[in-house]
C-alpha atoms as a PDB file:
ATOM      1  CA  MET A   1       0.000   0.000   0.000  1.00  0.00           C
ATOM      2  CA  ARG A   2       1.298   3.465  -0.935  1.00  0.00           C
ATOM      3  CA  VAL A   3       1.591   5.907   1.963  1.00  0.00           C
ATOM      4  CA  ASP A   4       1.386   9.682   1.503  1.00  0.00           C
ATOM      5  CA  LEU A   5       3.976  10.973   3.971  1.00  0.00           C
ATOM      6  CA  ALA A   6       2.724  14.544   3.662  1.00  0.00           C
ATOM      7  CA  THR A   7      -0.693  13.614   5.008  1.00  0.00           C
ATOM      8  CA  GLY A   8      -0.233  10.228   6.608  1.00  0.00           C
ATOM      9  CA  SER A   9      -3.062   8.861   4.484  1.00  0.00           C
ATOM     10  CA  GLY A  10      -3.072   5.388   3.005  1.00  0.00           C
ATOM     11  CA  ARG A  11      -2.097   3.552   6.197  1.00  0.00           C
ATOM     12  CA  LEU A  12      -3.576   0.254   7.145  1.00  0.00           C
ATOM     13  CA  ALA A  13      -5.994   0.609  10.045  1.00  0.00           C
ATOM     14  CA  GLN A  14      -4.497  -0.311  13.392  1.00  0.00           C
ATOM     15  CA  ALA A  15      -5.100   0.295  17.082  1.00  0.00           C
ATOM     16  CA  PRO A  16      -4.408   3.829  18.406  1.00  0.00           C
ATOM     17  CA  LEU A  17      -0.971   4.512  19.867  1.00  0.00           C
ATOM     18  CA  ARG A  18      -2.286   4.570  23.421  1.00  0.00           C
ATOM     19  CA  GLN A  19      -3.682   1.060  23.076  1.00  0.00           C
ATOM     20  CA  ARG A  20      -0.354  -0.224  21.729  1.00  0.00           C
ATOM     21  CA  ALA A  21       1.754   1.545  24.356  1.00  0.00           C
ATOM     22  CA  ARG A  22       4.050  -0.380  26.683  1.00  0.00           C
ATOM     23  CA  ALA A  23       6.445   0.377  29.522  1.00  0.00           C
ATOM     24  CA  ALA A  24       9.843   1.789  28.575  1.00  0.00           C
ATOM     25  CA  THR A  25      12.890  -0.452  28.829  1.00  0.00           C
ATOM     26  CA  SER A  26      15.985   0.644  30.752  1.00  0.00           C
ATOM     27  CA  ALA A  27      17.776   1.404  27.479  1.00  0.00           C
ATOM     28  CA  GLU A  28      14.848   3.524  26.268  1.00  0.00           C
ATOM     29  CA  LEU A  29      14.783   5.464  29.534  1.00  0.00           C
ATOM     30  CA  ASP A  30      18.525   6.093  29.193  1.00  0.00           C
ATOM     31  CA  ALA A  31      17.855   7.574  25.744  1.00  0.00           C
ATOM     32  CA  ILE A  32      15.534  10.250  27.203  1.00  0.00           C
ATOM     33  CA  PRO A  33      17.705  13.351  27.789  1.00  0.00           C
ATOM     34  CA  TRP A  34      15.609  14.969  30.529  1.00  0.00           C
ATOM     35  CA  PHE A  35      15.216  11.728  32.481  1.00  0.00           C
ATOM     36  CA  ALA A  36      18.860  11.915  33.573  1.00  0.00           C
ATOM     37  CA  VAL A  37      18.424  15.356  35.187  1.00  0.00           C
ATOM     38  CA  LEU A  38      15.799  14.066  37.652  1.00  0.00           C
ATOM     39  CA  SER A  39      16.623  12.880  41.139  1.00  0.00           C
ATOM     40  CA  ALA A  40      16.706   9.142  41.819  1.00  0.00           C
ATOM     41  CA  THR A  41      13.325   9.362  43.578  1.00  0.00           C
ATOM     42  CA  GLU A  42      11.796  11.307  40.685  1.00  0.00           C
ATOM     43  CA  ARG A  43      13.184   8.864  38.118  1.00  0.00           C
ATOM     44  CA  MET A  44      11.734   5.897  39.981  1.00  0.00           C
ATOM     45  CA  ALA A  45       8.278   7.478  40.070  1.00  0.00           C
ATOM     46  CA  ILE A  46       8.216   8.941  36.579  1.00  0.00           C
ATOM     47  CA  ALA A  47       9.497   5.771  34.903  1.00  0.00           C
ATOM     48  CA  GLN A  48       6.146   4.193  35.731  1.00  0.00           C
ATOM     49  CA  GLU A  49       4.305   6.902  33.794  1.00  0.00           C
ATOM     50  CA  ILE A  50       6.374   7.004  30.605  1.00  0.00           C
ATOM     51  CA  ALA A  51       4.751   5.037  27.786  1.00  0.00           C
ATOM     52  CA  VAL A  52       6.503   3.857  24.632  1.00  0.00           C
ATOM     53  CA  ALA A  53       5.006   2.801  21.304  1.00  0.00           C
ATOM     54  CA  ASP A  54       6.244   1.638  17.913  1.00  0.00           C
ATOM     55  CA  VAL A  55       5.057   3.932  15.123  1.00  0.00           C
ATOM     56  CA  GLN A  56       4.696   2.905  11.486  1.00  0.00           C
ATOM     57  CA  VAL A  57       5.644   4.937   8.400  1.00  0.00           C
ATOM     58  CA  GLY A  58       3.005   7.592   7.720  1.00  0.00           C
ATOM     59  CA  GLU A  59       1.337   7.201  11.107  1.00  0.00           C
ATOM     60  CA  ARG A  60       0.391  10.365  12.986  1.00  0.00           C
ATOM     61  CA  VAL A  61       1.739  10.890  16.478  1.00  0.00           C
ATOM     62  CA  CYS A  62       0.008  14.261  16.921  1.00  0.00           C
ATOM     63  CA  ARG A  63      -3.053  15.443  15.001  1.00  0.00           C
ATOM     64  CA  TYR A  64      -4.018  19.059  14.389  1.00  0.00           C
ATOM     65  CA  GLY A  65      -6.907  20.137  16.643  1.00  0.00           C
ATOM     66  CA  ARG A  66      -6.620  17.246  19.100  1.00  0.00           C
ATOM     67  CA  ALA A  67      -6.150  17.977  22.802  1.00  0.00           C
ATOM     68  CA  ALA A  68      -2.524  17.618  23.899  1.00  0.00           C
ATOM     69  CA  THR A  69      -2.465  14.806  26.456  1.00  0.00           C
ATOM     70  CA  PHE A  70       1.203  13.747  26.209  1.00  0.00           C
ATOM     71  CA  TRP A  71       4.642  15.272  25.848  1.00  0.00           C
ATOM     72  CA  PHE A  72       6.279  13.218  23.105  1.00  0.00           C
ATOM     73  CA  GLY A  73       9.877  12.372  22.287  1.00  0.00           C
ATOM     74  CA  VAL A  74      11.685  10.324  19.636  1.00  0.00           C
ATOM     75  CA  VAL A  75      13.584   7.356  21.052  1.00  0.00           C
ATOM     76  CA  ASP A  76      14.489   6.047  17.603  1.00  0.00           C
ATOM     77  CA  GLY A  77      13.506   6.900  14.047  1.00  0.00           C
ATOM     78  CA  LEU A  78      12.460  10.130  12.353  1.00  0.00           C
ATOM     79  CA  LEU A  79       9.290  12.235  12.513  1.00  0.00           C
ATOM     80  CA  LYS A  80       8.110  15.319  10.647  1.00  0.00           C
ATOM     81  CA  MET A  81       6.173  18.229  12.178  1.00  0.00           C
ATOM     82  CA  GLY A  82       3.992  20.105   9.716  1.00  0.00           C
ATOM     83  CA  ASN A  83       0.902  22.220   9.237  1.00  0.00           C
ATOM     84  CA  ASP A  84      -2.687  21.108   8.755  1.00  0.00           C
ATOM     85  CA  GLU A  85      -2.453  20.292   5.049  1.00  0.00           C
ATOM     86  CA  THR A  86      -6.259  20.458   4.628  1.00  0.00           C
ATOM     87  CA  LYS A  87      -6.043  24.244   5.026  1.00  0.00           C
ATOM     88  CA  GLY A  88      -3.376  24.888   2.406  1.00  0.00           C
ATOM     89  CA  GLN A  89      -0.115  23.756   0.873  1.00  0.00           C
ATOM     90  CA  PRO A  90       1.824  21.303   3.098  1.00  0.00           C
ATOM     91  CA  ILE A  91       4.572  23.023   5.090  1.00  0.00           C
ATOM     92  CA  THR A  92       7.213  21.264   7.185  1.00  0.00           C
ATOM     93  CA  PHE A  93       8.012  23.034  10.455  1.00  0.00           C
ATOM     94  CA  ALA A  94      10.727  20.668  11.645  1.00  0.00           C
ATOM     95  CA  GLY A  95      12.266  17.248  11.299  1.00  0.00           C
ATOM     96  CA  LEU A  96      12.415  15.353  14.604  1.00  0.00           C
ATOM     97  CA  PRO A  97      15.318  12.878  14.931  1.00  0.00           C
ATOM     98  CA  PRO A  98      16.295  10.739  17.966  1.00  0.00           C
ATOM     99  CA  GLY A  99      16.510  12.524  21.309  1.00  0.00           C
ATOM    100  CA  GLY A 100      14.063  15.235  20.273  1.00  0.00           C
ATOM    101  CA  TRP A 101      11.130  16.084  22.551  1.00  0.00           C
ATOM    102  CA  PHE A 102       8.470  18.397  21.193  1.00  0.00           C
ATOM    103  CA  GLY A 103       5.209  20.137  22.018  1.00  0.00           C
ATOM    104  CA  GLU A 104       6.171  21.500  25.446  1.00  0.00           C
ATOM    105  CA  GLY A 105       4.730  24.928  24.558  1.00  0.00           C
ATOM    106  CA  THR A 106       1.393  23.331  23.696  1.00  0.00           C
ATOM    107  CA  LEU A 107       1.339  21.434  26.984  1.00  0.00           C
ATOM    108  CA  LEU A 108       2.315  24.504  29.008  1.00  0.00           C
ATOM    109  CA  LYS A 109      -0.730  26.343  27.646  1.00  0.00           C
ATOM    110  CA  ARG A 110      -2.893  23.204  27.721  1.00  0.00           C
ATOM    111  CA  GLU A 111      -3.907  23.853  24.134  1.00  0.00           C
ATOM    112  CA  ALA A 112      -4.826  21.625  21.235  1.00  0.00           C
ATOM    113  CA  TYR A 113      -2.097  20.680  18.780  1.00  0.00           C
ATOM    114  CA  ARG A 114      -1.611  23.279  16.039  1.00  0.00           C
ATOM    115  CA  TYR A 115       0.390  20.888  13.880  1.00  0.00           C
ATOM    116  CA  ASN A 116       0.545  17.310  12.697  1.00  0.00           C
ATOM    117  CA  VAL A 117       3.462  15.020  13.512  1.00  0.00           C
ATOM    118  CA  VAL A 118       3.957  12.082  11.136  1.00  0.00           C
ATOM    119  CA  ALA A 119       6.510   9.265  11.119  1.00  0.00           C
ATOM    120  CA  LEU A 120       8.825   9.347   8.096  1.00  0.00           C
ATOM    121  CA  ARG A 121      10.189   5.914   9.001  1.00  0.00           C
ATOM    122  CA  ARG A 122       9.400   3.198  11.511  1.00  0.00           C
ATOM    123  CA  SER A 123      10.066   4.874  14.842  1.00  0.00           C
ATOM    124  CA  VAL A 124       9.881   4.416  18.587  1.00  0.00           C
ATOM    125  CA  VAL A 125       8.119   7.244  20.402  1.00  0.00           C
ATOM    126  CA  ALA A 126       7.890   7.898  24.148  1.00  0.00           C
ATOM    127  CA  GLY A 127       5.159   9.898  25.843  1.00  0.00           C
ATOM    128  CA  LEU A 128       4.836  11.561  29.241  1.00  0.00           C
ATOM    129  CA  PRO A 129       1.243  12.315  30.358  1.00  0.00           C
ATOM    130  CA  VAL A 130       0.411  16.005  30.557  1.00  0.00           C
ATOM    131  CA  GLU A 131      -0.341  15.850  34.297  1.00  0.00           C
ATOM    132  CA  ALA A 132       3.036  14.237  35.020  1.00  0.00           C
ATOM    133  CA  PHE A 133       4.673  16.941  32.878  1.00  0.00           C
ATOM    134  CA  HIS A 134       3.056  19.695  34.962  1.00  0.00           C
ATOM    135  CA  ARG A 135       3.843  17.911  38.212  1.00  0.00           C
ATOM    136  CA  LEU A 136       7.535  17.862  37.329  1.00  0.00           C
ATOM    137  CA  LEU A 137       7.383  21.540  36.439  1.00  0.00           C
ATOM    138  CA  GLU A 138       5.982  22.275  39.897  1.00  0.00           C
ATOM    139  CA  THR A 139       8.451  20.136  41.854  1.00  0.00           C
ATOM    140  CA  SER A 140      11.733  19.782  39.943  1.00  0.00           C
ATOM    141  CA  ILE A 141      14.101  22.715  39.427  1.00  0.00           C
ATOM    142  CA  THR A 142      16.342  20.688  37.113  1.00  0.00           C
ATOM    143  CA  PHE A 143      13.360  19.684  34.959  1.00  0.00           C
ATOM    144  CA  ASN A 144      12.265  23.339  34.798  1.00  0.00           C
ATOM    145  CA  ARG A 145      15.743  24.297  33.608  1.00  0.00           C
ATOM    146  CA  PHE A 146      15.667  21.605  30.939  1.00  0.00           C
ATOM    147  CA  VAL A 147      12.288  22.773  29.617  1.00  0.00           C
ATOM    148  CA  LEU A 148      13.412  26.421  29.670  1.00  0.00           C
ATOM    149  CA  ASN A 149      16.520  25.563  27.654  1.00  0.00           C
ATOM    150  CA  GLN A 150      14.380  23.482  25.322  1.00  0.00           C
ATOM    151  CA  LEU A 151      12.034  26.412  24.675  1.00  0.00           C
ATOM    152  CA  ASN A 152      14.986  28.723  24.051  1.00  0.00           C
ATOM    153  CA  GLU A 153      16.524  26.334  21.530  1.00  0.00           C
ATOM    154  CA  ARG A 154      13.142  25.791  19.888  1.00  0.00           C
ATOM    155  CA  LEU A 155      12.698  29.543  19.468  1.00  0.00           C
ATOM    156  CA  GLY A 156      16.091  29.743  17.769  1.00  0.00           C
ATOM    157  CA  GLN A 157      15.145  26.796  15.565  1.00  0.00           C
ATOM    158  CA  PHE A 158      11.972  28.431  14.294  1.00  0.00           C
ATOM    159  CA  ILE A 159      13.649  31.798  13.755  1.00  0.00           C
ATOM    160  CA  ALA A 160      16.240  29.966  11.652  1.00  0.00           C
ATOM    161  CA  ALA A 161      13.437  28.128   9.827  1.00  0.00           C
ATOM    162  CA  ARG A 162      11.897  31.439   8.742  1.00  0.00           C
ATOM    163  CA  GLU A 163      15.260  32.486   7.330  1.00  0.00           C
ATOM    164  CA  ILE A 164      15.736  29.135   5.594  1.00  0.00           C
ATOM    165  CA  ASP A 165      12.290  29.414   3.971  1.00  0.00           C
ATOM    166  CA  ARG A 166      13.410  32.626   2.273  1.00  0.00           C
ATOM    167  CA  LEU A 167      16.524  31.063   0.775  1.00  0.00           C
ATOM    168  CA  ASN A 168      16.411  30.370  -2.948  1.00  0.00           C
ATOM    169  CA  ASP A 169      19.563  28.266  -3.146  1.00  0.00           C
ATOM    170  CA  PRO A 170      18.804  24.545  -2.636  1.00  0.00           C
ATOM    171  CA  ASP A 171      22.327  23.721  -1.398  1.00  0.00           C
ATOM    172  CA  THR A 172      22.010  26.316   1.342  1.00  0.00           C
ATOM    173  CA  ARG A 173      18.558  25.045   2.304  1.00  0.00           C
ATOM    174  CA  VAL A 174      19.869  21.482   2.656  1.00  0.00           C
ATOM    175  CA  ALA A 175      22.937  22.617   4.623  1.00  0.00           C
ATOM    176  CA  ARG A 176      20.992  24.750   7.090  1.00  0.00           C
ATOM    177  CA  ASN A 177      18.281  22.118   7.612  1.00  0.00           C
ATOM    178  CA  LEU A 178      20.894  19.428   8.195  1.00  0.00           C
ATOM    179  CA  ALA A 179      22.616  21.631  10.765  1.00  0.00           C
ATOM    180  CA  VAL A 180      19.334  21.969  12.680  1.00  0.00           C
ATOM    181  CA  LEU A 181      18.884  18.190  12.727  1.00  0.00           C
ATOM    182  CA  PHE A 182      22.340  17.859  14.296  1.00  0.00           C
ATOM    183  CA  ASN A 183      21.554  20.379  17.080  1.00  0.00           C
ATOM    184  CA  PRO A 184      23.078  18.637  20.152  1.00  0.00           C
ATOM    185  CA  ARG A 185      20.715  20.347  22.604  1.00  0.00           C
ATOM    186  CA  LEU A 186      17.448  19.646  20.815  1.00  0.00           C
ATOM    187  CA  TYR A 187      18.464  16.247  19.401  1.00  0.00           C
ATOM    188  CA  PRO A 188      21.161  14.723  21.625  1.00  0.00           C
ATOM    189  CA  GLY A 189      20.418  11.244  20.327  1.00  0.00           C
ATOM    190  CA  VAL A 190      21.797  12.051  16.878  1.00  0.00           C
ATOM    191  CA  GLY A 191      25.476  12.599  17.672  1.00  0.00           C
ATOM    192  CA  VAL A 192      27.567  13.040  14.514  1.00  0.00           C
ATOM    193  CA  MET A 193      25.716  10.469  12.378  1.00  0.00           C
ATOM    194  CA  LEU A 194      22.082  10.951  11.329  1.00  0.00           C
ATOM    195  CA  ARG A 195      20.226   7.979   9.912  1.00  0.00           C
ATOM    196  CA  ILE A 196      18.219   9.515   7.079  1.00  0.00           C
ATOM    197  CA  THR A 197      17.601   8.750   3.407  1.00  0.00           C
ATOM    198  CA  GLN A 198      17.686  11.343   0.652  1.00  0.00           C
ATOM    199  CA  GLN A 199      13.934  10.910   0.220  1.00  0.00           C
ATOM    200  CA  GLU A 200      13.322  11.553   3.927  1.00  0.00           C
ATOM    201  CA  LEU A 201      15.570  14.595   3.871  1.00  0.00           C
ATOM    202  CA  GLY A 202      13.606  15.800   0.854  1.00  0.00           C
ATOM    203  CA  TYR A 203      10.392  15.641   2.888  1.00  0.00           C
ATOM    204  CA  VAL A 204      12.016  17.710   5.653  1.00  0.00           C
ATOM    205  CA  VAL A 205      13.626  20.287   3.351  1.00  0.00           C
ATOM    206  CA  GLY A 206      10.856  20.479   0.755  1.00  0.00           C
ATOM    207  CA  LEU A 207      12.983  19.449  -2.226  1.00  0.00           C
ATOM    208  CA  SER A 208      13.040  16.474  -4.571  1.00  0.00           C
ATOM    209  CA  ARG A 209      15.246  13.493  -3.785  1.00  0.00           C
ATOM    210  CA  GLN A 210      17.319  14.241  -6.890  1.00  0.00           C
ATOM    211  CA  ARG A 211      17.965  17.849  -5.861  1.00  0.00           C
ATOM    212  CA  VAL A 212      18.833  16.768  -2.303  1.00  0.00           C
ATOM    213  CA  ASN A 213      21.331  14.300  -3.765  1.00  0.00           C
ATOM    214  CA  GLN A 214      23.012  17.109  -5.720  1.00  0.00           C
ATOM    215  CA  ALA A 215      23.194  19.304  -2.622  1.00  0.00           C
ATOM    216  CA  LEU A 216      24.664  16.530  -0.500  1.00  0.00           C
ATOM    217  CA  SER A 217      27.333  15.914  -3.138  1.00  0.00           C
ATOM    218  CA  ALA A 218      28.238  19.614  -3.109  1.00  0.00           C
ATOM    219  CA  LEU A 219      28.406  19.749   0.707  1.00  0.00           C
ATOM    220  CA  GLU A 220      30.477  16.568   0.788  1.00  0.00           C
ATOM    221  CA  GLY A 221      32.876  18.054  -1.742  1.00  0.00           C
ATOM    222  CA  LEU A 222      33.420  20.990   0.628  1.00  0.00           C
ATOM    223  CA  GLY A 223      34.260  18.664   3.512  1.00  0.00           C
ATOM    224  CA  LEU A 224      31.190  19.610   5.575  1.00  0.00           C
ATOM    225  CA  ILE A 225      29.533  16.185   5.604  1.00  0.00           C
ATOM    226  CA  ARG A 226      30.147  12.618   4.482  1.00  0.00           C
ATOM    227  CA  VAL A 227      27.338  10.607   2.933  1.00  0.00           C
ATOM    228  CA  GLU A 228      27.467   7.071   4.292  1.00  0.00           C
ATOM    229  CA  TYR A 229      25.334   3.973   3.948  1.00  0.00           C
ATOM    230  CA  GLY A 230      22.032   4.747   5.651  1.00  0.00           C
ATOM    231  CA  GLY A 231      22.736   8.332   6.604  1.00  0.00           C
ATOM    232  CA  VAL A 232      24.843  11.478   6.785  1.00  0.00           C
ATOM    233  CA  ARG A 233      27.853  12.149   9.005  1.00  0.00           C
ATOM    234  CA  VAL A 234      28.611  15.761   9.907  1.00  0.00           C
ATOM    235  CA  LEU A 235      32.275  16.789   9.690  1.00  0.00           C
ATOM    236  CA  ASP A 236      32.011  20.536  10.345  1.00  0.00           C
ATOM    237  CA  LEU A 237      28.774  21.517  12.086  1.00  0.00           C
ATOM    238  CA  GLU A 238      29.741  25.162  12.535  1.00  0.00           C
ATOM    239  CA  ARG A 239      30.382  25.717   8.813  1.00  0.00           C
ATOM    240  CA  LEU A 240      27.317  23.678   7.913  1.00  0.00           C
ATOM    241  CA  GLY A 241      25.103  25.887  10.092  1.00  0.00           C
ATOM    242  CA  ARG A 242      26.337  29.139   8.528  1.00  0.00           C
ATOM    243  CA  TYR A 243      26.687  27.779   5.004  1.00  0.00           C
ATOM    244  CA  ASP A 244      25.997  30.295   2.266  1.00  0.00           C
ATOM    245  CA  ILE A 245      26.812  29.449  -1.327  1.00  0.00           C
ATOM    246  CA  GLY A 246      28.106  32.954  -2.031  1.00  0.00           C
ATOM    247  CA  ASN A 247      30.508  32.864   0.905  1.00  0.00           C
ATOM    248  CA  GLU A 248      31.646  29.326   0.081  1.00  0.00           C
ATOM    249  CA  LYS A 249      32.572  30.389  -3.441  1.00  0.00           C
ATOM    250  CA  ASN A 250      34.751  33.056  -1.847  1.00  0.00           C
ATOM    251  CA  GLY A 251      36.557  30.655   0.426  1.00  0.00           C
ATOM    252  CA  GLY A 252      33.965  30.291   3.223  1.00  0.00           C
ATOM    253  CA  HIS A 253      34.648  33.698   4.806  1.00  0.00           C
END
């Protein structure tokens, strides 16, 4: 069956995520960046409330207009956050690789989701119930600091996204979007190697697979990345994040 990754349509019917959820394993808990900042007592209690589910390609994790009942994070895989495509042309707000937790602003305001989140590949997603999220905010200083830093990084991400949207050069768009996906604060599970296909990167960037392939070749030729089997390895994150084709032609200054 063909799956439309922009809309998530075409999936085989299956039970909702909540019904398929299970307890997190020790390894999955270790992969949650904010879990480590909690005290031993807090970790013991909160581990019982974290739910984990396997998500299929094209499946929605968050749906526009639905009440936000969980704070979600990517344990493994790749998700895409985008607009409500029924109200206009599909727009990607962000790619969400391993280690990324998202939607904290929505939970803080107890609002409905204003975006859809769809799996670009088979993924493992963790969820913390909204009431547990607010309880940690009220009792844990270290958790508060993590969420504050998360919001600050997210603000920078979306400011950068507005700038990227105005760029006409495809190579620059690919470079800047890749740099965001390697952000060590927002996506600590990525490290220096991101598992992503050219087609998946095309969905995130908004370009064809062929044009993404050309851009990756150009960036690899400049020594910024290395394309490897199953993904992309970053070699110079700083240059990748400030890549501009005009500057690169003049020696990267």
